[in-house]
């Protein structure tokens, strides 16, 4: 069989002569051009990754640099990152439309890790979870002190409806329980450890001039709060939960966002982020949004050929 195949091939080449050789040359050139095009595109995309990394790890100006025949330019006003590669008289590249990614835009955002525990918070795509963001917003402690409506100092206490007021409540104490509380336009700020919300608790955060305050703030990095409504009880938190420590979401109704050093999903949580988008704006009590160098991510991109 092999001999027949060789003989047929020989006949074809003999019959077509140089025509076949010319065709082979053209095909080879087309293949080389296609390979080169792919290589150029890969180089441009790799360069874009490097440029985006430089923008995120340093100042925006680091997004402007050139290596050989390829360059990156970042416009911090329009937030457009352009990658250009010049080949002879032709230019190919990418234009990336970036957007800033902040903690309060996410259903859950952590400085380090999220223990998903094979659970799903069921958030909208725009609020997908983000772990290992690398830092947390800094609490403007003076803001909460200056605007506090009540201050509490008693340790080992069950705080109930009559103990709290609408507005900002600051707790300078450890080992406390919040029980049977229904408060609107309220923020609970805990400086200690072992604070728990038990039985029936409803807290909705204030919105001032279109900007939300968080519902819960835990300043202590050693705090480990467990949100669990328990059997035949209701726990509902409307507004952001912020913690410098660990947060565990077990059972209850939450709008999000949850911002913490670390977090764990104990059960599936159906966040009401689609119903309460107002809480996903920059929260008061953490300085100005402009004070931070937020990480950028790709929103849209277009190829330049």
C-alpha atoms as a PDB file:
ATOM      1  CA  UNK A   1       0.000   0.000   0.000  1.00  0.00           C
ATOM      2  CA  UNK A   2       2.813   2.361   0.851  1.00  0.00           C
ATOM      3  CA  UNK A   3       4.482   1.730  -2.523  1.00  0.00           C
ATOM      4  CA  UNK A   4       1.269   2.626  -4.352  1.00  0.00           C
ATOM      5  CA  UNK A   5       0.928   5.827  -2.359  1.00  0.00           C
ATOM      6  CA  UNK A   6       4.487   6.860  -3.173  1.00  0.00           C
ATOM      7  CA  UNK A   7       3.993   6.113  -6.849  1.00  0.00           C
ATOM      8  CA  UNK A   8       0.799   8.158  -7.018  1.00  0.00           C
ATOM      9  CA  UNK A   9       2.516  11.094  -5.296  1.00  0.00           C
ATOM     10  CA  UNK A  10       5.391  10.880  -7.761  1.00  0.00           C
ATOM     11  CA  UNK A  11       2.979  10.966 -10.678  1.00  0.00           C
ATOM     12  CA  UNK A  12       1.191  13.998  -9.320  1.00  0.00           C
ATOM     13  CA  UNK A  13       4.401  15.946  -8.799  1.00  0.00           C
ATOM     14  CA  UNK A  14       5.672  14.924 -12.226  1.00  0.00           C
ATOM     15  CA  UNK A  15       2.444  15.966 -13.910  1.00  0.00           C
ATOM     16  CA  UNK A  16       2.040  19.322 -12.203  1.00  0.00           C
ATOM     17  CA  UNK A  17       5.695  20.266 -12.163  1.00  0.00           C
ATOM     18  CA  UNK A  18       6.528  23.744 -10.861  1.00  0.00           C
ATOM     19  CA  UNK A  19       2.864  24.618 -10.380  1.00  0.00           C
ATOM     20  CA  UNK A  20       2.670  22.418  -7.335  1.00  0.00           C
ATOM     21  CA  UNK A  21       5.900  23.849  -5.973  1.00  0.00           C
ATOM     22  CA  UNK A  22       4.601  27.390  -6.423  1.00  0.00           C
ATOM     23  CA  UNK A  23       1.353  26.488  -4.655  1.00  0.00           C
ATOM     24  CA  UNK A  24       3.307  24.953  -1.799  1.00  0.00           C
ATOM     25  CA  UNK A  25       5.362  28.128  -1.458  1.00  0.00           C
ATOM     26  CA  UNK A  26       2.231  30.314  -1.307  1.00  0.00           C
ATOM     27  CA  UNK A  27       0.596  28.065   1.289  1.00  0.00           C
ATOM     28  CA  UNK A  28       3.781  28.122   3.354  1.00  0.00           C
ATOM     29  CA  UNK A  29       3.947  31.914   3.213  1.00  0.00           C
ATOM     30  CA  UNK A  30       0.281  32.191   4.251  1.00  0.00           C
ATOM     31  CA  UNK A  31       0.935  29.822   7.145  1.00  0.00           C
ATOM     32  CA  UNK A  32       3.968  31.834   8.262  1.00  0.00           C
ATOM     33  CA  UNK A  33       1.945  35.050   8.103  1.00  0.00           C
ATOM     34  CA  UNK A  34      -0.854  33.485  10.157  1.00  0.00           C
ATOM     35  CA  UNK A  35       1.640  32.257  12.745  1.00  0.00           C
ATOM     36  CA  UNK A  36       3.254  35.694  12.936  1.00  0.00           C
ATOM     37  CA  UNK A  37      -0.159  37.349  13.365  1.00  0.00           C
ATOM     38  CA  UNK A  38      -0.976  35.047  16.272  1.00  0.00           C
ATOM     39  CA  UNK A  39       2.431  35.684  17.834  1.00  0.00           C
ATOM     40  CA  UNK A  40       1.921  39.454  17.553  1.00  0.00           C
ATOM     41  CA  UNK A  41      -1.517  39.211  19.180  1.00  0.00           C
ATOM     42  CA  UNK A  42      -0.163  37.094  22.017  1.00  0.00           C
ATOM     43  CA  UNK A  43       2.627  39.613  22.565  1.00  0.00           C
ATOM     44  CA  UNK A  44       0.139  42.491  22.668  1.00  0.00           C
ATOM     45  CA  UNK A  45      -2.130  40.681  25.128  1.00  0.00           C
ATOM     46  CA  UNK A  46       0.812  39.727  27.352  1.00  0.00           C
ATOM     47  CA  UNK A  47       1.999  43.337  27.295  1.00  0.00           C
ATOM     48  CA  UNK A  48      -1.520  44.442  28.282  1.00  0.00           C
ATOM     49  CA  UNK A  49      -1.392  42.145  31.330  1.00  0.00           C
ATOM     50  CA  UNK A  50       1.933  43.659  32.362  1.00  0.00           C
ATOM     51  CA  UNK A  51       0.617  47.200  31.869  1.00  0.00           C
ATOM     52  CA  UNK A  52      -2.515  46.484  33.929  1.00  0.00           C
ATOM     53  CA  UNK A  53      -0.364  44.979  36.669  1.00  0.00           C
ATOM     54  CA  UNK A  54       1.869  48.083  36.706  1.00  0.00           C
ATOM     55  CA  UNK A  55      -1.162  50.376  36.978  1.00  0.00           C
ATOM     56  CA  UNK A  56      -2.479  48.367  39.934  1.00  0.00           C
ATOM     57  CA  UNK A  57       0.735  47.948  41.914  1.00  0.00           C
ATOM     58  CA  UNK A  58       1.938  51.516  41.535  1.00  0.00           C
ATOM     59  CA  UNK A  59       0.847  54.905  40.321  1.00  0.00           C
ATOM     60  CA  UNK A  60      -1.146  55.389  37.140  1.00  0.00           C
ATOM     61  CA  UNK A  61       1.958  56.790  35.454  1.00  0.00           C
ATOM     62  CA  UNK A  62       3.510  53.308  35.503  1.00  0.00           C
ATOM     63  CA  UNK A  63       1.025  52.401  32.783  1.00  0.00           C
ATOM     64  CA  UNK A  64       3.057  54.488  30.329  1.00  0.00           C
ATOM     65  CA  UNK A  65       6.121  52.631  29.050  1.00  0.00           C
ATOM     66  CA  UNK A  66       7.720  51.195  25.914  1.00  0.00           C
ATOM     67  CA  UNK A  67       9.683  48.019  25.233  1.00  0.00           C
ATOM     68  CA  UNK A  68      11.051  47.620  21.723  1.00  0.00           C
ATOM     69  CA  UNK A  69       8.297  48.130  19.159  1.00  0.00           C
ATOM     70  CA  UNK A  70       5.411  47.874  21.628  1.00  0.00           C
ATOM     71  CA  UNK A  71       4.146  50.576  23.981  1.00  0.00           C
ATOM     72  CA  UNK A  72       1.464  51.146  26.627  1.00  0.00           C
ATOM     73  CA  UNK A  73      -0.348  54.399  27.382  1.00  0.00           C
ATOM     74  CA  UNK A  74      -2.771  54.917  30.273  1.00  0.00           C
ATOM     75  CA  UNK A  75      -5.157  57.886  30.491  1.00  0.00           C
ATOM     76  CA  UNK A  76      -6.224  58.158  34.147  1.00  0.00           C
ATOM     77  CA  UNK A  77      -9.058  60.563  33.249  1.00  0.00           C
ATOM     78  CA  UNK A  78     -10.818  58.357  30.704  1.00  0.00           C
ATOM     79  CA  UNK A  79      -9.388  55.186  32.298  1.00  0.00           C
ATOM     80  CA  UNK A  80      -8.340  53.854  28.901  1.00  0.00           C
ATOM     81  CA  UNK A  81      -5.266  51.656  28.583  1.00  0.00           C
ATOM     82  CA  UNK A  82      -3.900  51.497  25.018  1.00  0.00           C
ATOM     83  CA  UNK A  83      -1.395  48.891  23.832  1.00  0.00           C
ATOM     84  CA  UNK A  84       0.234  49.513  20.425  1.00  0.00           C
ATOM     85  CA  UNK A  85       2.700  47.414  18.425  1.00  0.00           C
ATOM     86  CA  UNK A  86       4.198  48.804  15.212  1.00  0.00           C
ATOM     87  CA  UNK A  87       5.114  46.335  12.480  1.00  0.00           C
ATOM     88  CA  UNK A  88       6.706  48.054   9.473  1.00  0.00           C
ATOM     89  CA  UNK A  89       4.051  50.637   8.582  1.00  0.00           C
ATOM     90  CA  UNK A  90       1.182  48.841  10.290  1.00  0.00           C
ATOM     91  CA  UNK A  91      -0.067  49.134  13.873  1.00  0.00           C
ATOM     92  CA  UNK A  92      -1.977  46.556  15.875  1.00  0.00           C
ATOM     93  CA  UNK A  93      -3.040  46.711  19.479  1.00  0.00           C
ATOM     94  CA  UNK A  94      -5.732  46.796  22.142  1.00  0.00           C
ATOM     95  CA  UNK A  95      -7.755  49.504  23.831  1.00  0.00           C
ATOM     96  CA  UNK A  96      -8.938  48.521  27.302  1.00  0.00           C
ATOM     97  CA  UNK A  97     -11.686  50.427  29.101  1.00  0.00           C
ATOM     98  CA  UNK A  98     -10.917  50.017  32.798  1.00  0.00           C
ATOM     99  CA  UNK A  99     -13.062  50.502  35.856  1.00  0.00           C
ATOM    100  CA  UNK A 100     -12.121  50.815  39.502  1.00  0.00           C
ATOM    101  CA  UNK A 101     -12.969  47.897  41.745  1.00  0.00           C
ATOM    102  CA  UNK A 102     -13.763  48.832  45.341  1.00  0.00           C
ATOM    103  CA  UNK A 103     -14.841  46.646  48.264  1.00  0.00           C
ATOM    104  CA  UNK A 104     -18.332  48.099  48.528  1.00  0.00           C
ATOM    105  CA  UNK A 105     -19.111  47.099  44.932  1.00  0.00           C
ATOM    106  CA  UNK A 106     -18.942  43.419  45.878  1.00  0.00           C
ATOM    107  CA  UNK A 107     -21.351  41.098  47.679  1.00  0.00           C
ATOM    108  CA  UNK A 108     -18.379  39.960  49.773  1.00  0.00           C
ATOM    109  CA  UNK A 109     -14.892  41.452  49.558  1.00  0.00           C
ATOM    110  CA  UNK A 110     -11.997  40.411  51.773  1.00  0.00           C
ATOM    111  CA  UNK A 111      -8.456  41.539  52.394  1.00  0.00           C
ATOM    112  CA  UNK A 112      -7.309  37.937  52.355  1.00  0.00           C
ATOM    113  CA  UNK A 113      -9.475  34.857  51.787  1.00  0.00           C
ATOM    114  CA  UNK A 114     -13.070  33.740  51.536  1.00  0.00           C
ATOM    115  CA  UNK A 115     -13.928  30.228  52.669  1.00  0.00           C
ATOM    116  CA  UNK A 116     -16.659  29.472  50.150  1.00  0.00           C
ATOM    117  CA  UNK A 117     -17.401  26.100  51.775  1.00  0.00           C
ATOM    118  CA  UNK A 118     -19.053  25.039  48.490  1.00  0.00           C
ATOM    119  CA  UNK A 119     -21.748  27.652  49.153  1.00  0.00           C
ATOM    120  CA  UNK A 120     -23.262  30.290  46.891  1.00  0.00           C
ATOM    121  CA  UNK A 121     -24.345  33.783  48.019  1.00  0.00           C
ATOM    122  CA  UNK A 122     -26.479  34.227  44.869  1.00  0.00           C
ATOM    123  CA  UNK A 123     -25.431  37.781  44.046  1.00  0.00           C
ATOM    124  CA  UNK A 124     -25.831  39.692  40.805  1.00  0.00           C
ATOM    125  CA  UNK A 125     -22.894  39.414  38.351  1.00  0.00           C
ATOM    126  CA  UNK A 126     -21.930  43.040  39.013  1.00  0.00           C
ATOM    127  CA  UNK A 127     -21.519  42.153  42.717  1.00  0.00           C
ATOM    128  CA  UNK A 128     -19.504  38.953  42.328  1.00  0.00           C
ATOM    129  CA  UNK A 129     -17.338  38.085  45.331  1.00  0.00           C
ATOM    130  CA  UNK A 130     -13.748  39.329  45.495  1.00  0.00           C
ATOM    131  CA  UNK A 131     -11.156  37.832  47.821  1.00  0.00           C
ATOM    132  CA  UNK A 132      -7.512  38.693  48.419  1.00  0.00           C
ATOM    133  CA  UNK A 133      -7.988  42.329  47.455  1.00  0.00           C
ATOM    134  CA  UNK A 134      -4.949  43.095  49.620  1.00  0.00           C
ATOM    135  CA  UNK A 135      -6.240  45.860  51.891  1.00  0.00           C
ATOM    136  CA  UNK A 136      -9.333  47.179  53.645  1.00  0.00           C
ATOM    137  CA  UNK A 137     -10.753  50.694  53.721  1.00  0.00           C
ATOM    138  CA  UNK A 138      -9.526  52.648  56.752  1.00  0.00           C
ATOM    139  CA  UNK A 139     -12.157  53.486  59.344  1.00  0.00           C
ATOM    140  CA  UNK A 140     -12.488  57.217  59.954  1.00  0.00           C
ATOM    141  CA  UNK A 141     -12.950  56.767  63.672  1.00  0.00           C
ATOM    142  CA  UNK A 142     -13.446  60.464  64.335  1.00  0.00           C
ATOM    143  CA  UNK A 143     -16.426  60.476  61.973  1.00  0.00           C
ATOM    144  CA  UNK A 144     -18.265  57.886  64.062  1.00  0.00           C
ATOM    145  CA  UNK A 145     -17.313  59.553  67.366  1.00  0.00           C
ATOM    146  CA  UNK A 146     -18.451  62.978  66.190  1.00  0.00           C
ATOM    147  CA  UNK A 147     -21.758  61.624  64.902  1.00  0.00           C
ATOM    148  CA  UNK A 148     -22.538  59.077  67.614  1.00  0.00           C
ATOM    149  CA  UNK A 149     -26.078  59.129  69.007  1.00  0.00           C
ATOM    150  CA  UNK A 150     -25.360  56.730  71.887  1.00  0.00           C
ATOM    151  CA  UNK A 151     -22.269  55.242  73.544  1.00  0.00           C
ATOM    152  CA  UNK A 152     -22.332  51.984  75.558  1.00  0.00           C
ATOM    153  CA  UNK A 153     -19.710  50.716  78.026  1.00  0.00           C
ATOM    154  CA  UNK A 154     -21.232  47.725  79.852  1.00  0.00           C
ATOM    155  CA  UNK A 155     -19.548  44.346  79.348  1.00  0.00           C
ATOM    156  CA  UNK A 156     -21.346  40.974  79.484  1.00  0.00           C
ATOM    157  CA  UNK A 157     -24.712  42.511  78.728  1.00  0.00           C
ATOM    158  CA  UNK A 158     -27.758  41.690  76.628  1.00  0.00           C
ATOM    159  CA  UNK A 159     -28.638  44.896  74.792  1.00  0.00           C
ATOM    160  CA  UNK A 160     -32.297  45.060  73.779  1.00  0.00           C
ATOM    161  CA  UNK A 161     -34.614  47.533  72.043  1.00  0.00           C
ATOM    162  CA  UNK A 162     -34.870  49.981  74.939  1.00  0.00           C
ATOM    163  CA  UNK A 163     -31.092  50.100  75.404  1.00  0.00           C
ATOM    164  CA  UNK A 164     -30.409  51.370  71.896  1.00  0.00           C
ATOM    165  CA  UNK A 165     -31.381  54.423  69.881  1.00  0.00           C
ATOM    166  CA  UNK A 166     -31.847  55.170  66.221  1.00  0.00           C
ATOM    167  CA  UNK A 167     -28.595  56.428  64.715  1.00  0.00           C
ATOM    168  CA  UNK A 168     -24.968  55.509  65.452  1.00  0.00           C
ATOM    169  CA  UNK A 169     -24.480  53.317  68.550  1.00  0.00           C
ATOM    170  CA  UNK A 170     -20.867  52.744  69.668  1.00  0.00           C
ATOM    171  CA  UNK A 171     -20.038  49.843  71.990  1.00  0.00           C
ATOM    172  CA  UNK A 172     -16.792  50.142  73.991  1.00  0.00           C
ATOM    173  CA  UNK A 173     -17.188  46.687  75.498  1.00  0.00           C
ATOM    174  CA  UNK A 174     -16.714  42.941  75.003  1.00  0.00           C
ATOM    175  CA  UNK A 175     -18.985  39.921  75.342  1.00  0.00           C
ATOM    176  CA  UNK A 176     -22.311  41.467  74.453  1.00  0.00           C
ATOM    177  CA  UNK A 177     -25.478  40.233  72.765  1.00  0.00           C
ATOM    178  CA  UNK A 178     -27.891  42.270  70.678  1.00  0.00           C
ATOM    179  CA  UNK A 179     -31.384  40.790  71.120  1.00  0.00           C
ATOM    180  CA  UNK A 180     -34.935  41.601  69.995  1.00  0.00           C
ATOM    181  CA  UNK A 181     -34.020  44.846  68.255  1.00  0.00           C
ATOM    182  CA  UNK A 182     -35.853  46.582  65.416  1.00  0.00           C
ATOM    183  CA  UNK A 183     -34.091  49.779  64.363  1.00  0.00           C
ATOM    184  CA  UNK A 184     -34.113  51.747  61.123  1.00  0.00           C
ATOM    185  CA  UNK A 185     -31.493  54.337  60.114  1.00  0.00           C
ATOM    186  CA  UNK A 186     -29.051  52.739  62.525  1.00  0.00           C
ATOM    187  CA  UNK A 187     -25.379  51.793  62.618  1.00  0.00           C
ATOM    188  CA  UNK A 188     -23.891  49.535  65.298  1.00  0.00           C
ATOM    189  CA  UNK A 189     -20.162  50.038  65.921  1.00  0.00           C
ATOM    190  CA  UNK A 190     -18.313  47.455  68.031  1.00  0.00           C
ATOM    191  CA  UNK A 191     -14.770  48.063  69.271  1.00  0.00           C
ATOM    192  CA  UNK A 192     -14.388  44.849  71.252  1.00  0.00           C
ATOM    193  CA  UNK A 193     -14.749  41.127  70.670  1.00  0.00           C
ATOM    194  CA  UNK A 194     -17.504  38.561  71.170  1.00  0.00           C
ATOM    195  CA  UNK A 195     -20.406  40.647  69.938  1.00  0.00           C
ATOM    196  CA  UNK A 196     -23.348  38.534  68.778  1.00  0.00           C
ATOM    197  CA  UNK A 197     -26.728  39.321  67.232  1.00  0.00           C
ATOM    198  CA  UNK A 198     -29.273  36.876  68.637  1.00  0.00           C
ATOM    199  CA  UNK A 199     -32.970  36.098  68.419  1.00  0.00           C
ATOM    200  CA  UNK A 200     -34.903  38.628  66.336  1.00  0.00           C
ATOM    201  CA  UNK A 201     -32.789  41.516  65.047  1.00  0.00           C
ATOM    202  CA  UNK A 202     -33.561  43.958  62.262  1.00  0.00           C
ATOM    203  CA  UNK A 203     -31.103  46.742  61.425  1.00  0.00           C
ATOM    204  CA  UNK A 204     -31.323  49.036  58.404  1.00  0.00           C
ATOM    205  CA  UNK A 205     -28.485  51.455  57.748  1.00  0.00           C
ATOM    206  CA  UNK A 206     -28.946  55.198  57.236  1.00  0.00           C
ATOM    207  CA  UNK A 207     -28.518  56.867  53.870  1.00  0.00           C
ATOM    208  CA  UNK A 208     -27.389  60.475  54.142  1.00  0.00           C
ATOM    209  CA  UNK A 209     -27.498  62.677  51.080  1.00  0.00           C
ATOM    210  CA  UNK A 210     -27.488  59.626  48.845  1.00  0.00           C
ATOM    211  CA  UNK A 211     -24.477  58.053  50.611  1.00  0.00           C
ATOM    212  CA  UNK A 212     -24.998  55.016  52.865  1.00  0.00           C
ATOM    213  CA  UNK A 213     -23.547  54.331  56.256  1.00  0.00           C
ATOM    214  CA  UNK A 214     -22.751  50.701  57.091  1.00  0.00           C
ATOM    215  CA  UNK A 215     -25.205  48.790  59.262  1.00  0.00           C
ATOM    216  CA  UNK A 216     -22.507  46.985  61.265  1.00  0.00           C
ATOM    217  CA  UNK A 217     -18.897  48.037  61.936  1.00  0.00           C
ATOM    218  CA  UNK A 218     -16.444  45.868  63.859  1.00  0.00           C
ATOM    219  CA  UNK A 219     -13.160  47.674  64.399  1.00  0.00           C
ATOM    220  CA  UNK A 220     -11.248  44.968  66.298  1.00  0.00           C
ATOM    221  CA  UNK A 221      -9.008  42.757  64.110  1.00  0.00           C
ATOM    222  CA  UNK A 222      -9.655  39.864  66.544  1.00  0.00           C
ATOM    223  CA  UNK A 223     -13.430  40.024  66.171  1.00  0.00           C
ATOM    224  CA  UNK A 224     -15.144  36.876  64.863  1.00  0.00           C
ATOM    225  CA  UNK A 225     -18.838  37.522  64.390  1.00  0.00           C
ATOM    226  CA  UNK A 226     -21.252  34.740  63.494  1.00  0.00           C
ATOM    227  CA  UNK A 227     -24.508  35.793  61.829  1.00  0.00           C
ATOM    228  CA  UNK A 228     -26.993  33.012  62.570  1.00  0.00           C
ATOM    229  CA  UNK A 229     -30.689  33.755  63.061  1.00  0.00           C
ATOM    230  CA  UNK A 230     -31.415  30.503  64.870  1.00  0.00           C
ATOM    231  CA  UNK A 231     -34.570  28.417  64.820  1.00  0.00           C
ATOM    232  CA  UNK A 232     -37.871  30.362  64.679  1.00  0.00           C
ATOM    233  CA  UNK A 233     -36.076  33.710  64.717  1.00  0.00           C
ATOM    234  CA  UNK A 234     -35.372  36.381  62.111  1.00  0.00           C
ATOM    235  CA  UNK A 235     -32.114  38.183  61.458  1.00  0.00           C
ATOM    236  CA  UNK A 236     -32.159  40.880  58.795  1.00  0.00           C
ATOM    237  CA  UNK A 237     -29.342  43.328  58.074  1.00  0.00           C
ATOM    238  CA  UNK A 238     -29.970  45.994  55.447  1.00  0.00           C
ATOM    239  CA  UNK A 239     -26.705  47.761  54.719  1.00  0.00           C
ATOM    240  CA  UNK A 240     -23.015  46.975  54.655  1.00  0.00           C
ATOM    241  CA  UNK A 241     -21.267  44.819  57.235  1.00  0.00           C
ATOM    242  CA  UNK A 242     -17.656  45.888  57.780  1.00  0.00           C
ATOM    243  CA  UNK A 243     -15.140  44.060  59.954  1.00  0.00           C
ATOM    244  CA  UNK A 244     -11.413  44.303  60.504  1.00  0.00           C
ATOM    245  CA  UNK A 245     -11.703  40.683  61.639  1.00  0.00           C
ATOM    246  CA  UNK A 246     -13.557  37.546  60.537  1.00  0.00           C
ATOM    247  CA  UNK A 247     -17.196  37.300  59.420  1.00  0.00           C
ATOM    248  CA  UNK A 248     -19.259  34.102  59.218  1.00  0.00           C
ATOM    249  CA  UNK A 249     -22.555  34.128  57.343  1.00  0.00           C
ATOM    250  CA  UNK A 250     -24.747  31.269  58.483  1.00  0.00           C
ATOM    251  CA  UNK A 251     -28.424  32.154  58.282  1.00  0.00           C
ATOM    252  CA  UNK A 252     -30.339  35.383  57.894  1.00  0.00           C
ATOM    253  CA  UNK A 253     -31.276  37.983  55.322  1.00  0.00           C
ATOM    254  CA  UNK A 254     -28.530  40.290  54.094  1.00  0.00           C
ATOM    255  CA  UNK A 255     -28.366  42.968  51.441  1.00  0.00           C
ATOM    256  CA  UNK A 256     -24.568  43.124  51.480  1.00  0.00           C
ATOM    257  CA  UNK A 257     -21.975  44.212  50.898  1.00  0.00           C
ATOM    258  CA  UNK A 258     -19.828  42.346  53.419  1.00  0.00           C
ATOM    259  CA  UNK A 259     -16.300  43.750  53.737  1.00  0.00           C
ATOM    260  CA  UNK A 260     -13.870  42.011  56.087  1.00  0.00           C
ATOM    261  CA  UNK A 261     -10.365  40.727  56.619  1.00  0.00           C
ATOM    262  CA  UNK A 262     -11.574  37.155  56.045  1.00  0.00           C
ATOM    263  CA  UNK A 263     -15.003  35.550  55.623  1.00  0.00           C
ATOM    264  CA  UNK A 264     -16.721  32.173  55.571  1.00  0.00           C
ATOM    265  CA  UNK A 265     -19.927  31.048  53.898  1.00  0.00           C
ATOM    266  CA  UNK A 266     -21.505  28.652  56.387  1.00  0.00           C
ATOM    267  CA  UNK A 267     -24.673  28.145  54.313  1.00  0.00           C
ATOM    268  CA  UNK A 268     -26.122  29.328  51.017  1.00  0.00           C
ATOM    269  CA  UNK A 269     -27.090  32.990  51.374  1.00  0.00           C
ATOM    270  CA  UNK A 270     -29.474  34.724  48.998  1.00  0.00           C
ATOM    271  CA  UNK A 271     -28.331  38.326  49.233  1.00  0.00           C
ATOM    272  CA  UNK A 272     -30.810  41.045  48.349  1.00  0.00           C
ATOM    273  CA  UNK A 273     -28.228  43.046  46.429  1.00  0.00           C
ATOM    274  CA  UNK A 274     -30.558  43.397  43.439  1.00  0.00           C
ATOM    275  CA  UNK A 275     -33.192  45.047  45.635  1.00  0.00           C
ATOM    276  CA  UNK A 276     -30.855  47.351  47.566  1.00  0.00           C
ATOM    277  CA  UNK A 277     -28.228  48.686  45.131  1.00  0.00           C
ATOM    278  CA  UNK A 278     -28.006  51.907  47.162  1.00  0.00           C
ATOM    279  CA  UNK A 279     -25.867  50.131  49.774  1.00  0.00           C
ATOM    280  CA  UNK A 280     -23.240  49.321  47.129  1.00  0.00           C
ATOM    281  CA  UNK A 281     -22.185  52.957  46.845  1.00  0.00           C
ATOM    282  CA  UNK A 282     -19.123  54.232  48.702  1.00  0.00           C
ATOM    283  CA  UNK A 283     -19.983  54.108  52.414  1.00  0.00           C
ATOM    284  CA  UNK A 284     -19.560  57.032  54.783  1.00  0.00           C
ATOM    285  CA  UNK A 285     -17.104  56.681  57.654  1.00  0.00           C
ATOM    286  CA  UNK A 286     -14.120  55.506  55.598  1.00  0.00           C
ATOM    287  CA  UNK A 287     -12.680  58.750  54.301  1.00  0.00           C
ATOM    288  CA  UNK A 288     -13.064  59.927  50.741  1.00  0.00           C
ATOM    289  CA  UNK A 289     -13.267  57.518  47.833  1.00  0.00           C
ATOM    290  CA  UNK A 290     -10.619  59.615  46.078  1.00  0.00           C
ATOM    291  CA  UNK A 291      -8.166  58.982  48.932  1.00  0.00           C
ATOM    292  CA  UNK A 292      -7.583  55.430  47.719  1.00  0.00           C
ATOM    293  CA  UNK A 293      -5.683  54.045  44.749  1.00  0.00           C
ATOM    294  CA  UNK A 294      -8.291  51.496  43.727  1.00  0.00           C
ATOM    295  CA  UNK A 295      -7.388  48.387  41.738  1.00  0.00           C
ATOM    296  CA  UNK A 296      -8.519  48.533  38.123  1.00  0.00           C
ATOM    297  CA  UNK A 297     -10.139  45.783  36.117  1.00  0.00           C
ATOM    298  CA  UNK A 298     -11.149  45.421  32.476  1.00  0.00           C
ATOM    299  CA  UNK A 299     -14.694  46.504  31.720  1.00  0.00           C
ATOM    300  CA  UNK A 300     -14.579  46.374  27.911  1.00  0.00           C
ATOM    301  CA  UNK A 301     -11.877  45.953  25.291  1.00  0.00           C
ATOM    302  CA  UNK A 302     -11.452  46.417  21.546  1.00  0.00           C
ATOM    303  CA  UNK A 303      -8.783  45.204  19.161  1.00  0.00           C
ATOM    304  CA  UNK A 304      -6.935  47.524  16.775  1.00  0.00           C
ATOM    305  CA  UNK A 305      -5.982  45.778  13.526  1.00  0.00           C
END
